[in-house]
């Protein structure tokens, strides 16, 4: 299984024989399940953010990543290239903790359900209307800009989404582990 297919299966769970990304992906179910967690739990030696702030950030970035995928799928920025940080992320397959500042639009507001619930509902609605398949993503030559990674192809955005999702879920697990 190639890296893109692995990322798609980790994020979406099962795909049908045509590789369609369905409206009930595993990553959304994982986020949904975390909404029942102790959102205010904070362990400074693990992260400056609370459990809920990480969750809100994951909802914000899910929307952001879908926006970037849409842009890349629209065949924009074909002549642009990925940057050195993007190459590093694609090569290493992980994000080191505490190295990169969060871009301002993706900084959580409160980490409470007041901030999370609208993001959660809009993500559900957005995913219900998704009409992509893995073949389209693999073949798309468009690119979309990340502030640090520079211009990434749709397939690179999907791999990035997987890496980023797992990065924050691991931090959330560590917050719970250290707090207990």
N, C-alpha and C. Protein backbone atom coordinates (compact mmCIF):
# COMPACT_ATOMS: atom_id res chain seq x y z
N UNK A 1 0.85 -1.18 0.00
CA UNK A 1 0.00 0.00 0.00
C UNK A 1 0.89 1.24 0.00
N UNK A 2 0.65 2.17 -0.90
CA UNK A 2 1.45 3.39 -0.94
C UNK A 2 1.07 4.33 0.20
N UNK A 3 1.89 5.33 0.39
CA UNK A 3 1.72 6.28 1.51
C UNK A 3 0.38 7.01 1.46
N UNK A 4 -0.03 7.43 0.28
CA UNK A 4 -1.30 8.14 0.14
C UNK A 4 -2.48 7.24 0.50
N UNK A 5 -2.47 6.03 0.00
CA UNK A 5 -3.55 5.09 0.30
C UNK A 5 -3.59 4.79 1.79
N UNK A 6 -2.43 4.62 2.40
CA UNK A 6 -2.36 4.40 3.85
C UNK A 6 -2.94 5.57 4.61
N UNK A 7 -2.61 6.79 4.19
CA UNK A 7 -3.15 7.98 4.86
C UNK A 7 -4.67 8.04 4.70
N UNK A 8 -5.15 7.73 3.50
CA UNK A 8 -6.60 7.75 3.26
C UNK A 8 -7.32 6.74 4.14
N UNK A 9 -6.77 5.56 4.26
CA UNK A 9 -7.40 4.53 5.10
C UNK A 9 -7.34 4.90 6.58
N UNK A 10 -6.23 5.52 7.03
CA UNK A 10 -6.17 5.94 8.43
C UNK A 10 -7.16 7.05 8.71
N UNK A 11 -7.33 7.98 7.77
CA UNK A 11 -8.26 9.09 7.97
C UNK A 11 -9.71 8.69 7.74
N UNK A 12 -9.96 7.91 6.70
CA UNK A 12 -11.35 7.61 6.32
C UNK A 12 -11.83 6.24 6.78
N UNK A 13 -10.92 5.36 7.15
CA UNK A 13 -11.34 3.98 7.42
C UNK A 13 -11.49 3.29 6.09
N UNK A 14 -12.59 2.63 5.88
CA UNK A 14 -12.79 1.92 4.63
C UNK A 14 -13.13 2.87 3.48
N UNK A 15 -12.71 2.48 2.29
CA UNK A 15 -13.10 3.16 1.07
C UNK A 15 -13.77 2.12 0.20
N UNK A 16 -14.68 2.54 -0.68
CA UNK A 16 -15.30 1.55 -1.57
C UNK A 16 -14.33 1.17 -2.69
N UNK A 17 -14.75 0.26 -3.56
CA UNK A 17 -13.85 -0.23 -4.61
C UNK A 17 -13.38 0.86 -5.57
N UNK A 18 -14.12 1.95 -5.67
CA UNK A 18 -13.69 3.08 -6.51
C UNK A 18 -12.82 4.07 -5.73
N UNK A 19 -12.65 3.83 -4.44
CA UNK A 19 -11.81 4.71 -3.63
C UNK A 19 -12.47 6.00 -3.21
N UNK A 20 -13.80 6.05 -3.18
CA UNK A 20 -14.51 7.27 -2.79
C UNK A 20 -14.28 7.60 -1.32
N UNK A 21 -14.06 8.87 -1.06
CA UNK A 21 -13.96 9.35 0.31
C UNK A 21 -15.39 9.63 0.77
N UNK A 22 -15.90 8.79 1.63
CA UNK A 22 -17.30 8.89 2.06
C UNK A 22 -17.49 9.95 3.14
N UNK A 23 -18.74 10.23 3.47
CA UNK A 23 -19.10 11.31 4.40
C UNK A 23 -18.96 10.98 5.87
N UNK A 24 -18.54 9.77 6.20
CA UNK A 24 -18.39 9.38 7.61
C UNK A 24 -16.98 8.87 7.90
N UNK A 25 -15.99 9.74 7.75
CA UNK A 25 -14.61 9.28 7.91
C UNK A 25 -14.25 8.98 9.36
N UNK A 26 -13.28 8.11 9.51
CA UNK A 26 -12.78 7.71 10.81
C UNK A 26 -12.26 8.91 11.60
N UNK A 27 -11.55 9.84 10.93
CA UNK A 27 -10.97 10.97 11.66
C UNK A 27 -12.06 11.82 12.31
N UNK A 28 -13.20 11.99 11.65
CA UNK A 28 -14.30 12.77 12.22
C UNK A 28 -14.92 12.03 13.40
N UNK A 29 -15.03 10.72 13.30
CA UNK A 29 -15.55 9.92 14.42
C UNK A 29 -14.61 9.99 15.61
N UNK A 30 -13.30 9.98 15.35
CA UNK A 30 -12.32 10.11 16.44
C UNK A 30 -12.47 11.46 17.13
N UNK A 31 -12.61 12.52 16.35
CA UNK A 31 -12.79 13.85 16.94
C UNK A 31 -14.09 13.92 17.73
N UNK A 32 -15.14 13.36 17.15
CA UNK A 32 -16.44 13.34 17.81
C UNK A 32 -16.35 12.64 19.17
N UNK A 33 -15.67 11.52 19.22
CA UNK A 33 -15.52 10.76 20.47
C UNK A 33 -14.75 11.57 21.51
N UNK A 34 -13.78 12.36 21.08
CA UNK A 34 -12.98 13.16 22.01
C UNK A 34 -13.77 14.31 22.62
N UNK A 35 -14.91 14.68 22.02
CA UNK A 35 -15.74 15.76 22.56
C UNK A 35 -16.30 15.39 23.94
N UNK A 36 -16.29 14.11 24.26
CA UNK A 36 -16.78 13.65 25.56
C UNK A 36 -15.68 13.69 26.61
N UNK A 37 -14.48 14.04 26.20
CA UNK A 37 -13.33 14.05 27.11
C UNK A 37 -13.33 15.26 28.02
N UNK A 38 -12.32 15.31 28.86
CA UNK A 38 -12.13 16.40 29.81
C UNK A 38 -11.47 17.57 29.08
N UNK A 39 -12.28 18.43 28.48
CA UNK A 39 -11.78 19.47 27.60
C UNK A 39 -10.85 20.46 28.30
N UNK A 40 -11.10 20.73 29.55
CA UNK A 40 -10.30 21.72 30.28
C UNK A 40 -9.00 21.18 30.83
N UNK A 41 -8.75 19.90 30.66
CA UNK A 41 -7.54 19.27 31.21
C UNK A 41 -6.30 19.85 30.53
N UNK A 42 -5.38 20.32 31.37
CA UNK A 42 -4.14 20.92 30.85
C UNK A 42 -2.96 20.37 31.65
N UNK A 43 -1.95 19.94 30.94
CA UNK A 43 -0.71 19.47 31.56
C UNK A 43 0.42 20.24 30.87
N UNK A 44 0.89 21.28 31.53
CA UNK A 44 1.88 22.20 30.93
C UNK A 44 3.14 21.50 30.43
N UNK A 45 3.57 20.44 31.12
CA UNK A 45 4.82 19.79 30.69
C UNK A 45 4.62 18.96 29.42
N UNK A 46 3.35 18.72 29.04
CA UNK A 46 3.06 18.03 27.78
C UNK A 46 2.78 19.05 26.69
N UNK A 47 1.95 20.06 27.01
CA UNK A 47 1.56 21.06 26.01
C UNK A 47 1.03 22.31 26.70
N UNK A 48 1.25 23.44 26.07
CA UNK A 48 0.68 24.68 26.62
C UNK A 48 -0.83 24.73 26.41
N UNK A 49 -1.33 23.94 25.46
CA UNK A 49 -2.77 23.90 25.19
C UNK A 49 -3.45 22.83 26.03
N UNK A 50 -4.72 23.08 26.31
CA UNK A 50 -5.53 22.08 26.99
C UNK A 50 -5.96 20.99 26.00
N UNK A 51 -6.50 19.93 26.55
CA UNK A 51 -7.06 18.85 25.74
C UNK A 51 -8.08 19.43 24.74
N UNK A 52 -8.98 20.28 25.23
CA UNK A 52 -10.01 20.89 24.38
C UNK A 52 -9.45 21.83 23.32
N UNK A 53 -8.37 22.53 23.66
CA UNK A 53 -7.75 23.41 22.66
C UNK A 53 -7.15 22.59 21.52
N UNK A 54 -6.56 21.45 21.84
CA UNK A 54 -6.05 20.57 20.79
C UNK A 54 -7.21 20.06 19.93
N UNK A 55 -8.31 19.71 20.57
CA UNK A 55 -9.47 19.23 19.83
C UNK A 55 -10.04 20.32 18.92
N UNK A 56 -10.19 21.52 19.45
CA UNK A 56 -10.68 22.64 18.63
C UNK A 56 -9.73 22.90 17.46
N UNK A 57 -8.43 22.84 17.73
CA UNK A 57 -7.44 23.02 16.67
C UNK A 57 -7.61 21.96 15.58
N UNK A 58 -7.87 20.72 15.98
CA UNK A 58 -8.06 19.66 14.98
C UNK A 58 -9.31 19.91 14.15
N UNK A 59 -10.37 20.42 14.74
CA UNK A 59 -11.55 20.77 13.95
C UNK A 59 -11.24 21.93 13.01
N UNK A 60 -10.56 22.95 13.51
CA UNK A 60 -10.19 24.07 12.64
C UNK A 60 -9.32 23.61 11.48
N UNK A 61 -8.33 22.78 11.77
CA UNK A 61 -7.43 22.35 10.71
C UNK A 61 -8.10 21.37 9.75
N UNK A 62 -9.08 20.62 10.22
CA UNK A 62 -9.82 19.74 9.30
C UNK A 62 -10.48 20.58 8.21
N UNK A 63 -11.10 21.69 8.61
CA UNK A 63 -11.70 22.60 7.63
C UNK A 63 -10.62 23.21 6.73
N UNK A 64 -9.53 23.65 7.34
CA UNK A 64 -8.44 24.27 6.59
C UNK A 64 -7.86 23.30 5.55
N UNK A 65 -7.63 22.07 5.97
CA UNK A 65 -7.07 21.07 5.05
C UNK A 65 -8.05 20.74 3.93
N UNK A 66 -9.33 20.67 4.24
CA UNK A 66 -10.32 20.44 3.18
C UNK A 66 -10.34 21.61 2.20
N UNK A 67 -10.21 22.84 2.72
CA UNK A 67 -10.12 24.02 1.85
C UNK A 67 -8.92 23.90 0.91
N UNK A 68 -7.77 23.52 1.46
CA UNK A 68 -6.56 23.39 0.65
C UNK A 68 -6.69 22.26 -0.37
N UNK A 69 -7.31 21.16 0.03
CA UNK A 69 -7.56 20.06 -0.92
C UNK A 69 -8.45 20.54 -2.06
N UNK A 70 -9.51 21.28 -1.74
CA UNK A 70 -10.41 21.82 -2.78
C UNK A 70 -9.64 22.70 -3.74
N UNK A 71 -8.80 23.56 -3.20
CA UNK A 71 -8.02 24.46 -4.04
C UNK A 71 -7.08 23.69 -4.95
N UNK A 72 -6.39 22.69 -4.39
CA UNK A 72 -5.48 21.89 -5.20
C UNK A 72 -6.25 21.08 -6.25
N UNK A 73 -7.41 20.56 -5.88
CA UNK A 73 -8.21 19.77 -6.82
C UNK A 73 -8.77 20.64 -7.95
N UNK A 74 -8.81 21.95 -7.73
CA UNK A 74 -9.28 22.87 -8.76
C UNK A 74 -8.16 23.23 -9.75
N UNK A 75 -7.04 22.55 -9.64
CA UNK A 75 -5.90 22.69 -10.55
C UNK A 75 -5.26 24.09 -10.50
N UNK A 76 -5.24 24.69 -9.34
CA UNK A 76 -4.59 25.99 -9.18
C UNK A 76 -3.10 25.79 -8.90
N UNK A 77 -2.32 26.83 -9.15
CA UNK A 77 -0.90 26.89 -8.77
C UNK A 77 -0.07 25.71 -9.28
N UNK A 78 -0.35 25.25 -10.47
CA UNK A 78 0.32 24.06 -11.02
C UNK A 78 1.84 24.24 -11.12
N UNK A 79 2.30 25.43 -11.39
CA UNK A 79 3.74 25.63 -11.57
C UNK A 79 4.50 25.85 -10.26
N UNK A 80 3.80 25.98 -9.15
CA UNK A 80 4.46 26.21 -7.87
C UNK A 80 5.04 24.92 -7.31
N UNK A 81 5.92 25.03 -6.32
CA UNK A 81 6.60 23.85 -5.77
C UNK A 81 6.54 23.82 -4.25
N UNK A 82 6.73 22.63 -3.73
CA UNK A 82 6.78 22.41 -2.29
C UNK A 82 8.09 23.00 -1.75
N UNK A 83 8.07 23.46 -0.50
CA UNK A 83 9.25 24.05 0.12
C UNK A 83 10.06 23.03 0.91
N UNK A 84 11.15 23.48 1.49
CA UNK A 84 12.05 22.59 2.22
C UNK A 84 11.36 21.96 3.43
N UNK A 85 10.53 22.72 4.15
CA UNK A 85 9.81 22.15 5.29
C UNK A 85 8.80 21.10 4.82
N UNK A 86 8.19 21.34 3.68
CA UNK A 86 7.26 20.36 3.13
C UNK A 86 7.96 19.07 2.73
N UNK A 87 9.13 19.21 2.11
CA UNK A 87 9.91 18.04 1.74
C UNK A 87 10.31 17.28 3.01
N UNK A 88 10.73 18.01 4.03
CA UNK A 88 11.11 17.40 5.30
C UNK A 88 9.97 16.63 5.94
N UNK A 89 8.78 17.24 5.94
CA UNK A 89 7.61 16.58 6.52
C UNK A 89 7.23 15.34 5.73
N UNK A 90 7.24 15.43 4.41
CA UNK A 90 6.89 14.28 3.58
C UNK A 90 7.92 13.16 3.71
N UNK A 91 9.17 13.52 3.93
CA UNK A 91 10.22 12.52 4.07
C UNK A 91 10.17 11.87 5.46
N UNK A 92 10.10 12.70 6.50
CA UNK A 92 10.14 12.19 7.88
C UNK A 92 8.82 11.53 8.29
N UNK A 93 7.71 12.09 7.82
CA UNK A 93 6.40 11.52 8.16
C UNK A 93 5.92 11.86 9.55
N UNK A 94 6.48 12.90 10.17
CA UNK A 94 6.00 13.33 11.48
C UNK A 94 6.30 14.81 11.68
N UNK A 95 5.62 15.39 12.68
CA UNK A 95 5.82 16.78 13.05
C UNK A 95 6.46 16.78 14.44
N UNK A 96 7.65 17.34 14.57
CA UNK A 96 8.27 17.39 15.90
C UNK A 96 7.48 18.32 16.82
N UNK A 97 7.33 17.92 18.05
CA UNK A 97 6.56 18.72 19.02
C UNK A 97 7.28 20.02 19.36
N UNK A 98 6.48 21.09 19.41
CA UNK A 98 6.97 22.37 19.88
C UNK A 98 7.86 23.13 18.92
N UNK A 99 8.01 22.66 17.71
CA UNK A 99 8.93 23.30 16.77
C UNK A 99 8.27 24.42 15.97
N UNK A 100 7.03 24.22 15.54
CA UNK A 100 6.37 25.19 14.68
C UNK A 100 5.25 25.91 15.42
N UNK A 101 5.22 27.23 15.30
CA UNK A 101 4.09 28.01 15.82
C UNK A 101 2.87 27.74 14.97
N UNK A 102 1.72 27.76 15.59
CA UNK A 102 0.46 27.56 14.87
C UNK A 102 0.13 28.82 14.10
N UNK A 103 -0.34 28.65 12.86
CA UNK A 103 -0.71 29.83 12.09
C UNK A 103 -1.96 30.45 12.72
N UNK A 104 -2.03 31.78 12.77
CA UNK A 104 -3.09 32.48 13.52
C UNK A 104 -4.53 32.00 13.29
N UNK A 105 -4.98 31.73 12.05
CA UNK A 105 -6.38 31.32 11.92
C UNK A 105 -6.70 29.96 12.53
N UNK A 106 -5.67 29.19 12.89
CA UNK A 106 -5.88 27.85 13.42
C UNK A 106 -5.62 27.75 14.92
N UNK A 107 -5.38 28.91 15.56
CA UNK A 107 -5.22 28.94 17.01
C UNK A 107 -6.60 28.81 17.65
N UNK A 108 -6.76 27.87 18.58
CA UNK A 108 -8.07 27.70 19.21
C UNK A 108 -8.47 28.92 20.04
N UNK A 109 -9.77 29.16 20.11
CA UNK A 109 -10.29 30.30 20.88
C UNK A 109 -10.43 29.95 22.35
N UNK A 110 -11.05 28.80 22.66
CA UNK A 110 -11.32 28.49 24.06
C UNK A 110 -11.14 27.02 24.42
N UNK A 111 -11.27 26.13 23.46
CA UNK A 111 -11.21 24.70 23.75
C UNK A 111 -12.44 24.18 24.45
N UNK A 112 -13.52 24.95 24.41
CA UNK A 112 -14.78 24.54 25.03
C UNK A 112 -15.77 24.12 23.95
N UNK A 113 -16.83 23.46 24.37
CA UNK A 113 -17.85 23.04 23.40
C UNK A 113 -18.51 24.23 22.73
N UNK A 114 -18.50 25.41 23.36
CA UNK A 114 -19.05 26.60 22.71
C UNK A 114 -18.30 26.90 21.41
N UNK A 115 -17.01 26.68 21.41
CA UNK A 115 -16.21 26.90 20.19
C UNK A 115 -16.18 25.66 19.30
N UNK A 116 -16.18 24.49 19.92
CA UNK A 116 -16.04 23.24 19.17
C UNK A 116 -17.32 22.84 18.45
N UNK A 117 -18.47 22.98 19.10
CA UNK A 117 -19.74 22.47 18.55
C UNK A 117 -20.05 23.01 17.15
N UNK A 118 -19.93 24.31 16.89
CA UNK A 118 -20.22 24.78 15.52
C UNK A 118 -19.26 24.21 14.49
N UNK A 119 -17.98 24.06 14.86
CA UNK A 119 -16.99 23.48 13.95
C UNK A 119 -17.32 22.02 13.67
N UNK A 120 -17.74 21.34 14.70
CA UNK A 120 -18.12 19.92 14.59
C UNK A 120 -19.30 19.75 13.64
N UNK A 121 -20.32 20.55 13.81
CA UNK A 121 -21.52 20.46 12.97
C UNK A 121 -21.21 20.84 11.52
N UNK A 122 -20.44 21.90 11.32
CA UNK A 122 -20.12 22.31 9.94
C UNK A 122 -19.23 21.28 9.26
N UNK A 123 -18.35 20.61 10.02
CA UNK A 123 -17.53 19.56 9.42
C UNK A 123 -18.39 18.38 8.99
N UNK A 124 -19.35 17.98 9.83
CA UNK A 124 -20.25 16.89 9.45
C UNK A 124 -20.98 17.22 8.15
N UNK A 125 -21.53 18.43 8.07
CA UNK A 125 -22.26 18.84 6.86
C UNK A 125 -21.33 18.86 5.65
N UNK A 126 -20.15 19.35 5.84
CA UNK A 126 -19.19 19.44 4.74
C UNK A 126 -18.80 18.06 4.24
N UNK A 127 -18.56 17.14 5.15
CA UNK A 127 -18.16 15.79 4.76
C UNK A 127 -19.28 15.05 4.05
N UNK A 128 -20.52 15.33 4.41
CA UNK A 128 -21.66 14.71 3.73
C UNK A 128 -21.70 15.07 2.25
N UNK A 129 -21.15 16.21 1.89
CA UNK A 129 -21.19 16.69 0.51
C UNK A 129 -19.90 16.43 -0.27
N UNK A 130 -18.97 15.74 0.34
CA UNK A 130 -17.68 15.46 -0.29
C UNK A 130 -17.85 14.48 -1.45
N UNK A 131 -17.24 14.80 -2.60
CA UNK A 131 -17.36 13.93 -3.77
C UNK A 131 -16.00 13.71 -4.42
N UNK A 132 -15.05 13.20 -3.64
CA UNK A 132 -13.72 12.92 -4.16
C UNK A 132 -13.44 11.44 -4.07
N UNK A 133 -12.53 11.00 -4.93
CA UNK A 133 -12.03 9.64 -4.79
C UNK A 133 -10.50 9.70 -4.85
N UNK A 134 -9.89 8.65 -4.41
CA UNK A 134 -8.43 8.59 -4.30
C UNK A 134 -7.73 8.78 -5.65
N UNK A 135 -8.32 8.26 -6.70
CA UNK A 135 -7.74 8.41 -8.03
C UNK A 135 -7.66 9.90 -8.41
N UNK A 136 -8.74 10.64 -8.17
CA UNK A 136 -8.74 12.08 -8.49
C UNK A 136 -7.65 12.81 -7.71
N UNK A 137 -7.53 12.47 -6.44
CA UNK A 137 -6.53 13.12 -5.60
C UNK A 137 -5.13 12.79 -6.10
N UNK A 138 -4.86 11.54 -6.43
CA UNK A 138 -3.55 11.12 -6.94
C UNK A 138 -3.20 11.83 -8.24
N UNK A 139 -4.18 12.00 -9.11
CA UNK A 139 -3.92 12.56 -10.44
C UNK A 139 -3.91 14.08 -10.49
N UNK A 140 -4.46 14.73 -9.48
CA UNK A 140 -4.54 16.19 -9.49
C UNK A 140 -3.16 16.82 -9.51
N UNK A 141 -2.95 17.74 -10.42
CA UNK A 141 -1.67 18.44 -10.54
C UNK A 141 -1.70 19.83 -9.91
N UNK A 142 -2.89 20.23 -9.42
CA UNK A 142 -3.00 21.53 -8.75
C UNK A 142 -2.30 21.50 -7.40
N UNK A 143 -2.01 22.69 -6.91
CA UNK A 143 -1.33 22.82 -5.62
C UNK A 143 -2.00 23.92 -4.81
N UNK A 144 -1.84 23.80 -3.51
CA UNK A 144 -2.37 24.81 -2.61
C UNK A 144 -1.30 25.15 -1.59
N UNK A 145 -1.26 26.40 -1.18
CA UNK A 145 -0.16 26.90 -0.36
C UNK A 145 -0.38 26.68 1.13
N UNK A 146 0.64 26.15 1.77
CA UNK A 146 0.73 26.08 3.22
C UNK A 146 1.75 27.15 3.62
N UNK A 147 1.50 27.88 4.71
CA UNK A 147 2.43 28.97 5.07
C UNK A 147 3.88 28.53 5.25
N UNK A 148 4.12 27.31 5.70
CA UNK A 148 5.50 26.85 5.91
C UNK A 148 5.95 25.82 4.88
N UNK A 149 5.04 24.95 4.49
CA UNK A 149 5.40 23.85 3.58
C UNK A 149 5.43 24.30 2.12
N UNK A 150 4.89 25.45 1.89
CA UNK A 150 4.71 26.05 0.55
C UNK A 150 3.65 25.28 -0.24
N UNK A 151 3.84 25.11 -1.54
CA UNK A 151 2.76 24.58 -2.38
C UNK A 151 2.76 23.06 -2.42
N UNK A 152 1.64 22.49 -1.96
CA UNK A 152 1.54 21.03 -1.92
C UNK A 152 0.43 20.54 -2.84
N UNK A 153 0.68 19.41 -3.44
CA UNK A 153 -0.32 18.72 -4.26
C UNK A 153 -1.43 18.19 -3.37
N UNK A 154 -2.58 17.88 -3.95
CA UNK A 154 -3.70 17.33 -3.17
C UNK A 154 -3.27 16.08 -2.42
N UNK A 155 -2.50 15.22 -3.06
CA UNK A 155 -2.06 13.99 -2.39
C UNK A 155 -1.15 14.29 -1.21
N UNK A 156 -0.33 15.35 -1.33
CA UNK A 156 0.52 15.74 -0.21
C UNK A 156 -0.30 16.33 0.92
N UNK A 157 -1.37 17.05 0.57
CA UNK A 157 -2.26 17.59 1.61
C UNK A 157 -2.93 16.47 2.39
N UNK A 158 -3.31 15.40 1.71
CA UNK A 158 -3.96 14.28 2.40
C UNK A 158 -2.96 13.59 3.34
N UNK A 159 -1.74 13.43 2.91
CA UNK A 159 -0.71 12.85 3.77
C UNK A 159 -0.43 13.79 4.94
N UNK A 160 -0.33 15.08 4.67
CA UNK A 160 -0.13 16.07 5.73
C UNK A 160 -1.27 15.99 6.75
N UNK A 161 -2.51 15.91 6.28
CA UNK A 161 -3.67 15.83 7.18
C UNK A 161 -3.54 14.62 8.11
N UNK A 162 -3.12 13.50 7.57
CA UNK A 162 -2.94 12.29 8.37
C UNK A 162 -1.85 12.49 9.42
N UNK A 163 -0.72 13.01 9.03
CA UNK A 163 0.39 13.23 9.95
C UNK A 163 -0.03 14.22 11.04
N UNK A 164 -0.67 15.30 10.65
CA UNK A 164 -1.07 16.33 11.60
C UNK A 164 -2.12 15.81 12.58
N UNK A 165 -3.08 15.06 12.07
CA UNK A 165 -4.15 14.48 12.91
C UNK A 165 -3.53 13.57 13.98
N UNK A 166 -2.67 12.66 13.55
CA UNK A 166 -2.04 11.72 14.49
C UNK A 166 -1.14 12.45 15.49
N UNK A 167 -0.48 13.53 15.06
CA UNK A 167 0.39 14.33 15.93
C UNK A 167 -0.41 14.87 17.12
N UNK A 168 -1.55 15.49 16.83
CA UNK A 168 -2.34 16.09 17.92
C UNK A 168 -3.07 15.04 18.75
N UNK A 169 -3.53 13.96 18.15
CA UNK A 169 -4.14 12.90 18.95
C UNK A 169 -3.13 12.31 19.93
N UNK A 170 -1.87 12.18 19.51
CA UNK A 170 -0.83 11.67 20.41
C UNK A 170 -0.60 12.63 21.58
N UNK A 171 -0.61 13.92 21.32
CA UNK A 171 -0.46 14.90 22.40
C UNK A 171 -1.65 14.79 23.36
N UNK A 172 -2.85 14.65 22.81
CA UNK A 172 -4.04 14.53 23.66
C UNK A 172 -3.96 13.27 24.52
N UNK A 173 -3.50 12.17 23.95
CA UNK A 173 -3.33 10.94 24.73
C UNK A 173 -2.30 11.14 25.84
N UNK A 174 -1.22 11.86 25.54
CA UNK A 174 -0.21 12.11 26.55
C UNK A 174 -0.73 13.01 27.66
N UNK A 175 -1.56 13.98 27.33
CA UNK A 175 -2.18 14.82 28.36
C UNK A 175 -2.99 13.94 29.31
N UNK A 176 -3.79 13.05 28.75
CA UNK A 176 -4.61 12.16 29.58
C UNK A 176 -3.75 11.22 30.42
N UNK A 177 -2.69 10.69 29.82
CA UNK A 177 -1.82 9.74 30.52
C UNK A 177 -1.11 10.41 31.70
N UNK A 178 -0.54 11.57 31.46
CA UNK A 178 0.21 12.26 32.51
C UNK A 178 -0.72 12.76 33.61
N UNK A 179 -1.93 13.16 33.24
CA UNK A 179 -2.89 13.68 34.22
C UNK A 179 -3.48 12.60 35.11
N UNK A 180 -3.46 11.35 34.65
CA UNK A 180 -4.10 10.30 35.46
C UNK A 180 -3.18 9.67 36.48
